[in-house]
N, C-alpha and C. Protein backbone atom coordinates (compact mmCIF):
# COMPACT_ATOMS: atom_id res chain seq x y z
N UNK A 1 19.96 -16.98 -7.27
CA UNK A 1 20.46 -16.51 -8.54
C UNK A 1 19.33 -15.82 -9.30
N UNK A 2 19.57 -14.57 -9.68
CA UNK A 2 18.60 -13.84 -10.47
C UNK A 2 18.91 -14.05 -11.95
N UNK A 3 17.90 -14.42 -12.72
CA UNK A 3 18.07 -14.71 -14.13
C UNK A 3 17.16 -13.82 -14.95
N UNK A 4 17.74 -13.13 -15.94
CA UNK A 4 16.96 -12.31 -16.85
C UNK A 4 17.29 -12.73 -18.27
N UNK A 5 16.29 -13.15 -19.03
CA UNK A 5 16.47 -13.52 -20.43
C UNK A 5 15.62 -12.57 -21.24
N UNK A 6 16.26 -11.79 -22.11
CA UNK A 6 15.52 -10.83 -22.92
C UNK A 6 15.93 -10.95 -24.38
N UNK A 7 15.08 -10.46 -25.25
CA UNK A 7 15.34 -10.53 -26.68
C UNK A 7 15.28 -9.15 -27.30
N UNK A 8 16.13 -8.93 -28.28
CA UNK A 8 16.17 -7.67 -29.02
C UNK A 8 15.84 -8.01 -30.47
N UNK A 9 14.74 -7.48 -31.00
CA UNK A 9 14.20 -7.83 -32.31
C UNK A 9 13.85 -9.30 -32.37
N UNK A 10 13.43 -9.85 -31.23
CA UNK A 10 13.18 -11.27 -31.13
C UNK A 10 12.26 -11.53 -29.94
N UNK A 11 11.30 -12.41 -30.12
CA UNK A 11 10.46 -12.82 -29.00
C UNK A 11 11.06 -14.07 -28.37
N UNK A 12 11.27 -14.04 -27.07
CA UNK A 12 11.86 -15.17 -26.37
C UNK A 12 10.74 -16.18 -26.11
N UNK A 13 10.78 -17.27 -26.84
CA UNK A 13 9.75 -18.31 -26.71
C UNK A 13 10.05 -19.18 -25.50
N UNK A 14 9.05 -19.90 -25.00
CA UNK A 14 9.32 -20.82 -23.87
C UNK A 14 10.36 -21.88 -24.21
N UNK A 15 10.39 -22.35 -25.46
CA UNK A 15 11.39 -23.35 -25.85
C UNK A 15 12.79 -22.76 -25.80
N UNK A 16 12.94 -21.51 -26.25
CA UNK A 16 14.23 -20.84 -26.22
C UNK A 16 14.67 -20.59 -24.78
N UNK A 17 13.73 -20.17 -23.95
CA UNK A 17 14.03 -19.94 -22.53
C UNK A 17 14.47 -21.24 -21.86
N UNK A 18 13.79 -22.33 -22.14
CA UNK A 18 14.15 -23.63 -21.55
C UNK A 18 15.52 -24.10 -22.03
N UNK A 19 15.85 -23.84 -23.30
CA UNK A 19 17.15 -24.22 -23.84
C UNK A 19 18.28 -23.47 -23.13
N UNK A 20 18.08 -22.18 -22.90
CA UNK A 20 19.08 -21.38 -22.19
C UNK A 20 19.22 -21.87 -20.75
N UNK A 21 18.12 -22.20 -20.10
CA UNK A 21 18.16 -22.68 -18.72
C UNK A 21 18.91 -24.00 -18.60
N UNK A 22 18.70 -24.91 -19.55
CA UNK A 22 19.40 -26.19 -19.49
C UNK A 22 20.89 -26.00 -19.73
N UNK A 23 21.26 -25.06 -20.56
CA UNK A 23 22.68 -24.79 -20.80
C UNK A 23 23.32 -24.10 -19.60
N UNK A 24 22.58 -23.27 -18.90
CA UNK A 24 23.12 -22.58 -17.73
C UNK A 24 23.32 -23.52 -16.53
N UNK A 25 22.64 -24.66 -16.53
CA UNK A 25 22.83 -25.62 -15.45
C UNK A 25 24.27 -26.10 -15.37
N UNK A 26 24.93 -26.22 -16.52
CA UNK A 26 26.32 -26.66 -16.54
C UNK A 26 27.21 -25.64 -15.84
N UNK A 27 26.92 -24.36 -16.04
CA UNK A 27 27.71 -23.31 -15.41
C UNK A 27 27.51 -23.33 -13.90
N UNK A 28 26.27 -23.44 -13.46
CA UNK A 28 26.00 -23.43 -12.02
C UNK A 28 26.47 -24.71 -11.36
N UNK A 29 26.65 -25.79 -12.13
CA UNK A 29 27.20 -27.02 -11.57
C UNK A 29 28.68 -26.85 -11.25
N UNK A 30 29.39 -26.08 -12.10
CA UNK A 30 30.81 -25.84 -11.88
C UNK A 30 31.05 -24.81 -10.77
N UNK A 31 30.20 -23.80 -10.74
CA UNK A 31 30.43 -22.67 -9.82
C UNK A 31 29.09 -22.22 -9.30
N UNK A 32 28.84 -22.40 -8.01
CA UNK A 32 27.51 -22.13 -7.46
C UNK A 32 27.36 -20.75 -6.84
N UNK A 33 28.38 -19.90 -6.90
CA UNK A 33 28.31 -18.58 -6.28
C UNK A 33 27.92 -17.51 -7.29
N UNK A 34 26.97 -17.81 -8.15
CA UNK A 34 26.50 -16.86 -9.16
C UNK A 34 25.41 -16.00 -8.55
N UNK A 35 25.54 -14.67 -8.70
CA UNK A 35 24.57 -13.74 -8.13
C UNK A 35 23.51 -13.39 -9.17
N UNK A 36 23.94 -12.88 -10.32
CA UNK A 36 23.04 -12.43 -11.39
C UNK A 36 23.45 -13.01 -12.72
N UNK A 37 22.48 -13.30 -13.57
CA UNK A 37 22.73 -13.71 -14.94
C UNK A 37 21.80 -12.91 -15.84
N UNK A 38 22.38 -12.17 -16.79
CA UNK A 38 21.59 -11.44 -17.78
C UNK A 38 21.92 -12.01 -19.15
N UNK A 39 20.91 -12.53 -19.85
CA UNK A 39 21.08 -13.10 -21.18
C UNK A 39 20.33 -12.21 -22.16
N UNK A 40 21.02 -11.80 -23.23
CA UNK A 40 20.40 -10.98 -24.27
C UNK A 40 20.55 -11.71 -25.60
N UNK A 41 19.42 -12.02 -26.22
CA UNK A 41 19.41 -12.68 -27.51
C UNK A 41 18.98 -11.66 -28.56
N UNK A 42 19.79 -11.53 -29.63
CA UNK A 42 19.56 -10.48 -30.62
C UNK A 42 19.55 -11.07 -32.03
N UNK A 43 18.69 -10.53 -32.87
CA UNK A 43 18.70 -10.85 -34.28
C UNK A 43 19.07 -9.57 -35.02
N UNK A 44 20.18 -9.61 -35.76
CA UNK A 44 20.61 -8.47 -36.56
C UNK A 44 20.23 -8.73 -38.00
N UNK A 45 19.40 -7.88 -38.56
CA UNK A 45 18.96 -8.07 -39.94
C UNK A 45 19.72 -7.09 -40.83
N UNK A 46 20.94 -7.48 -41.20
CA UNK A 46 21.74 -6.62 -42.06
C UNK A 46 21.28 -6.74 -43.50
N UNK A 47 21.46 -7.90 -44.08
CA UNK A 47 20.94 -8.21 -45.41
C UNK A 47 20.33 -9.59 -45.31
N UNK A 48 19.66 -10.01 -46.35
CA UNK A 48 19.01 -11.31 -46.31
C UNK A 48 20.03 -12.44 -46.15
N UNK A 49 21.18 -12.32 -46.82
CA UNK A 49 22.19 -13.38 -46.73
C UNK A 49 23.00 -13.29 -45.45
N UNK A 50 23.14 -12.11 -44.88
CA UNK A 50 24.00 -11.90 -43.73
C UNK A 50 23.21 -11.79 -42.43
N UNK A 51 22.15 -12.51 -42.33
CA UNK A 51 21.34 -12.46 -41.11
C UNK A 51 22.11 -13.13 -39.98
N UNK A 52 22.36 -12.40 -38.91
CA UNK A 52 23.16 -12.93 -37.81
C UNK A 52 22.34 -13.00 -36.54
N UNK A 53 22.58 -14.04 -35.79
CA UNK A 53 21.97 -14.22 -34.47
C UNK A 53 23.07 -14.03 -33.44
N UNK A 54 22.80 -13.26 -32.42
CA UNK A 54 23.83 -12.97 -31.43
C UNK A 54 23.29 -13.25 -30.03
N UNK A 55 24.13 -13.86 -29.21
CA UNK A 55 23.77 -14.14 -27.82
C UNK A 55 24.84 -13.53 -26.92
N UNK A 56 24.41 -12.86 -25.86
CA UNK A 56 25.32 -12.23 -24.91
C UNK A 56 24.91 -12.65 -23.50
N UNK A 57 25.92 -12.82 -22.65
CA UNK A 57 25.67 -13.14 -21.24
C UNK A 57 26.55 -12.27 -20.38
N UNK A 58 25.95 -11.67 -19.37
CA UNK A 58 26.70 -10.99 -18.32
C UNK A 58 26.44 -11.76 -17.03
N UNK A 59 27.49 -12.31 -16.48
CA UNK A 59 27.40 -13.14 -15.29
C UNK A 59 28.06 -12.39 -14.15
N UNK A 60 27.29 -12.10 -13.11
CA UNK A 60 27.83 -11.38 -11.95
C UNK A 60 28.09 -12.39 -10.85
N UNK A 61 29.37 -12.55 -10.52
CA UNK A 61 29.77 -13.40 -9.40
C UNK A 61 30.41 -12.51 -8.35
N UNK A 62 30.66 -13.04 -7.20
CA UNK A 62 31.21 -12.24 -6.11
C UNK A 62 32.59 -11.70 -6.52
N UNK A 63 32.68 -10.39 -6.63
CA UNK A 63 33.95 -9.75 -6.93
C UNK A 63 34.25 -9.54 -8.40
N UNK A 64 33.37 -10.00 -9.31
CA UNK A 64 33.72 -9.87 -10.73
C UNK A 64 32.48 -10.00 -11.60
N UNK A 65 32.51 -9.33 -12.75
CA UNK A 65 31.50 -9.51 -13.78
C UNK A 65 32.16 -10.19 -14.97
N UNK A 66 31.52 -11.22 -15.51
CA UNK A 66 32.05 -11.93 -16.67
C UNK A 66 31.09 -11.68 -17.82
N UNK A 67 31.63 -11.16 -18.94
CA UNK A 67 30.82 -10.86 -20.11
C UNK A 67 31.30 -11.71 -21.28
N UNK A 68 30.36 -12.35 -21.97
CA UNK A 68 30.68 -13.18 -23.13
C UNK A 68 29.64 -12.92 -24.19
N UNK A 69 30.09 -12.84 -25.46
CA UNK A 69 29.15 -12.72 -26.57
C UNK A 69 29.58 -13.63 -27.70
N UNK A 70 28.61 -14.08 -28.49
CA UNK A 70 28.89 -14.98 -29.59
C UNK A 70 27.84 -14.77 -30.67
N UNK A 71 28.29 -14.77 -31.94
CA UNK A 71 27.38 -14.63 -33.08
C UNK A 71 27.45 -15.86 -33.96
N UNK A 72 26.34 -16.17 -34.59
CA UNK A 72 26.28 -17.30 -35.51
C UNK A 72 25.04 -17.12 -36.38
N UNK A 73 24.94 -17.91 -37.45
CA UNK A 73 23.75 -17.85 -38.29
C UNK A 73 22.55 -18.49 -37.60
N UNK A 74 22.81 -19.46 -36.73
CA UNK A 74 21.76 -20.15 -35.98
C UNK A 74 21.83 -19.72 -34.52
N UNK A 75 20.71 -19.35 -33.95
CA UNK A 75 20.70 -18.86 -32.58
C UNK A 75 21.05 -19.96 -31.58
N UNK A 76 20.60 -21.17 -31.83
CA UNK A 76 20.91 -22.28 -30.92
C UNK A 76 22.41 -22.60 -30.95
N UNK A 77 23.03 -22.52 -32.12
CA UNK A 77 24.48 -22.73 -32.22
C UNK A 77 25.23 -21.61 -31.51
N UNK A 78 24.73 -20.38 -31.60
CA UNK A 78 25.35 -19.26 -30.91
C UNK A 78 25.27 -19.45 -29.40
N UNK A 79 24.14 -19.95 -28.91
CA UNK A 79 23.98 -20.21 -27.47
C UNK A 79 24.94 -21.32 -27.03
N UNK A 80 25.07 -22.38 -27.83
CA UNK A 80 26.00 -23.46 -27.49
C UNK A 80 27.43 -22.96 -27.38
N UNK A 81 27.88 -22.20 -28.37
CA UNK A 81 29.25 -21.67 -28.36
C UNK A 81 29.44 -20.68 -27.22
N UNK A 82 28.42 -19.90 -26.94
CA UNK A 82 28.46 -18.93 -25.85
C UNK A 82 28.65 -19.63 -24.51
N UNK A 83 27.91 -20.71 -24.27
CA UNK A 83 28.01 -21.43 -23.00
C UNK A 83 29.36 -22.12 -22.86
N UNK A 84 29.94 -22.57 -23.98
CA UNK A 84 31.29 -23.14 -23.92
C UNK A 84 32.31 -22.10 -23.49
N UNK A 85 32.22 -20.90 -24.06
CA UNK A 85 33.12 -19.81 -23.68
C UNK A 85 32.92 -19.43 -22.22
N UNK A 86 31.66 -19.31 -21.82
CA UNK A 86 31.34 -18.92 -20.45
C UNK A 86 31.84 -19.97 -19.45
N UNK A 87 31.71 -21.23 -19.80
CA UNK A 87 32.17 -22.30 -18.93
C UNK A 87 33.68 -22.22 -18.72
N UNK A 88 34.43 -21.96 -19.79
CA UNK A 88 35.88 -21.83 -19.67
C UNK A 88 36.24 -20.64 -18.77
N UNK A 89 35.56 -19.52 -18.94
CA UNK A 89 35.87 -18.34 -18.13
C UNK A 89 35.50 -18.55 -16.66
N UNK A 90 34.39 -19.22 -16.40
CA UNK A 90 33.98 -19.47 -15.03
C UNK A 90 34.95 -20.44 -14.36
N UNK A 91 35.40 -21.47 -15.06
CA UNK A 91 36.38 -22.41 -14.50
C UNK A 91 37.69 -21.69 -14.21
N UNK A 92 38.10 -20.79 -15.10
CA UNK A 92 39.33 -20.04 -14.89
C UNK A 92 39.20 -19.11 -13.68
N UNK A 93 38.03 -18.48 -13.54
CA UNK A 93 37.78 -17.61 -12.39
C UNK A 93 37.79 -18.42 -11.09
N UNK A 94 37.21 -19.61 -11.12
CA UNK A 94 37.18 -20.46 -9.94
C UNK A 94 38.60 -20.89 -9.55
N UNK A 95 39.44 -21.19 -10.54
CA UNK A 95 40.83 -21.56 -10.25
C UNK A 95 41.59 -20.41 -9.62
N UNK A 96 41.31 -19.19 -10.05
CA UNK A 96 41.99 -18.03 -9.48
C UNK A 96 41.59 -17.80 -8.03
N UNK A 97 40.37 -18.16 -7.68
CA UNK A 97 39.90 -17.96 -6.31
C UNK A 97 40.52 -18.95 -5.34
N UNK A 98 40.84 -20.15 -5.83
CA UNK A 98 41.39 -21.17 -4.95
C UNK A 98 42.85 -20.86 -4.64
N UNK A 99 43.27 -21.19 -3.44
CA UNK A 99 44.64 -20.96 -3.03
C UNK A 99 45.48 -22.16 -3.45
N UNK A 100 46.40 -21.94 -4.41
CA UNK A 100 47.23 -23.03 -4.92
C UNK A 100 48.60 -23.06 -4.27
N UNK A 101 48.85 -22.19 -3.30
CA UNK A 101 50.15 -22.13 -2.67
C UNK A 101 50.23 -23.17 -1.55
N UNK A 102 51.30 -23.90 -1.53
CA UNK A 102 51.53 -24.89 -0.50
C UNK A 102 52.77 -24.49 0.29
N UNK A 103 52.79 -24.88 1.54
CA UNK A 103 53.99 -24.60 2.33
C UNK A 103 55.12 -25.49 1.84
N UNK A 104 56.31 -24.93 1.77
CA UNK A 104 57.44 -25.73 1.32
C UNK A 104 57.84 -26.73 2.39
N UNK A 105 58.61 -27.72 2.01
CA UNK A 105 59.02 -28.78 2.94
C UNK A 105 59.91 -28.20 4.03
N UNK A 106 60.75 -27.25 3.69
CA UNK A 106 61.65 -26.64 4.68
C UNK A 106 60.85 -25.93 5.78
N UNK A 107 59.81 -25.23 5.41
CA UNK A 107 59.01 -24.52 6.41
C UNK A 107 58.26 -25.49 7.30
N UNK A 108 57.79 -26.57 6.75
CA UNK A 108 57.08 -27.58 7.55
C UNK A 108 58.03 -28.23 8.54
N UNK A 109 59.27 -28.55 8.12
CA UNK A 109 60.26 -29.17 9.01
C UNK A 109 60.66 -28.21 10.13
N UNK A 110 60.83 -26.93 9.79
CA UNK A 110 61.26 -25.95 10.78
C UNK A 110 60.17 -25.72 11.84
N UNK A 111 58.93 -25.74 11.43
CA UNK A 111 57.86 -25.51 12.40
C UNK A 111 57.59 -26.73 13.26
N UNK A 112 57.99 -27.92 12.78
CA UNK A 112 57.75 -29.15 13.54
C UNK A 112 58.74 -29.30 14.69
N UNK A 113 59.92 -28.71 14.57
CA UNK A 113 60.93 -28.89 15.62
C UNK A 113 60.86 -27.85 16.70
C-alpha cells in the first residue's frame, strides 16, 4: 500500500502523520486490497472566525477510486469524521464485491437427481 500524506498551507507534523496512520489501520483491517492512499490536509484561512480545517482522502482499490472529504474547525475532528465516512464507503464497496446470490432450492434439487 502506497501512502502519501501532504499538507496545503500546513506542515504535516509527525504527531499528525501518526494520527492519520492509526486511523487508517481501521480501514485496512476491513479491506486489505488497498493499492494507494492519498491524504491531503488543508487549512483554509477565510476570516479569523471562519477558519476551517479540511481533510481529503483518495483511496485507490482494485477497480475503483473512493474519494471522501470533510471539513471542521478542528483538524483532528475532521480526520475522525473523514475516517468514519471512508469506513462506511469501503464496507459498502466490499459488500458489492462479494457474491450474495445463492442457488435456489429448486435448482439444487434438480441438479441432485
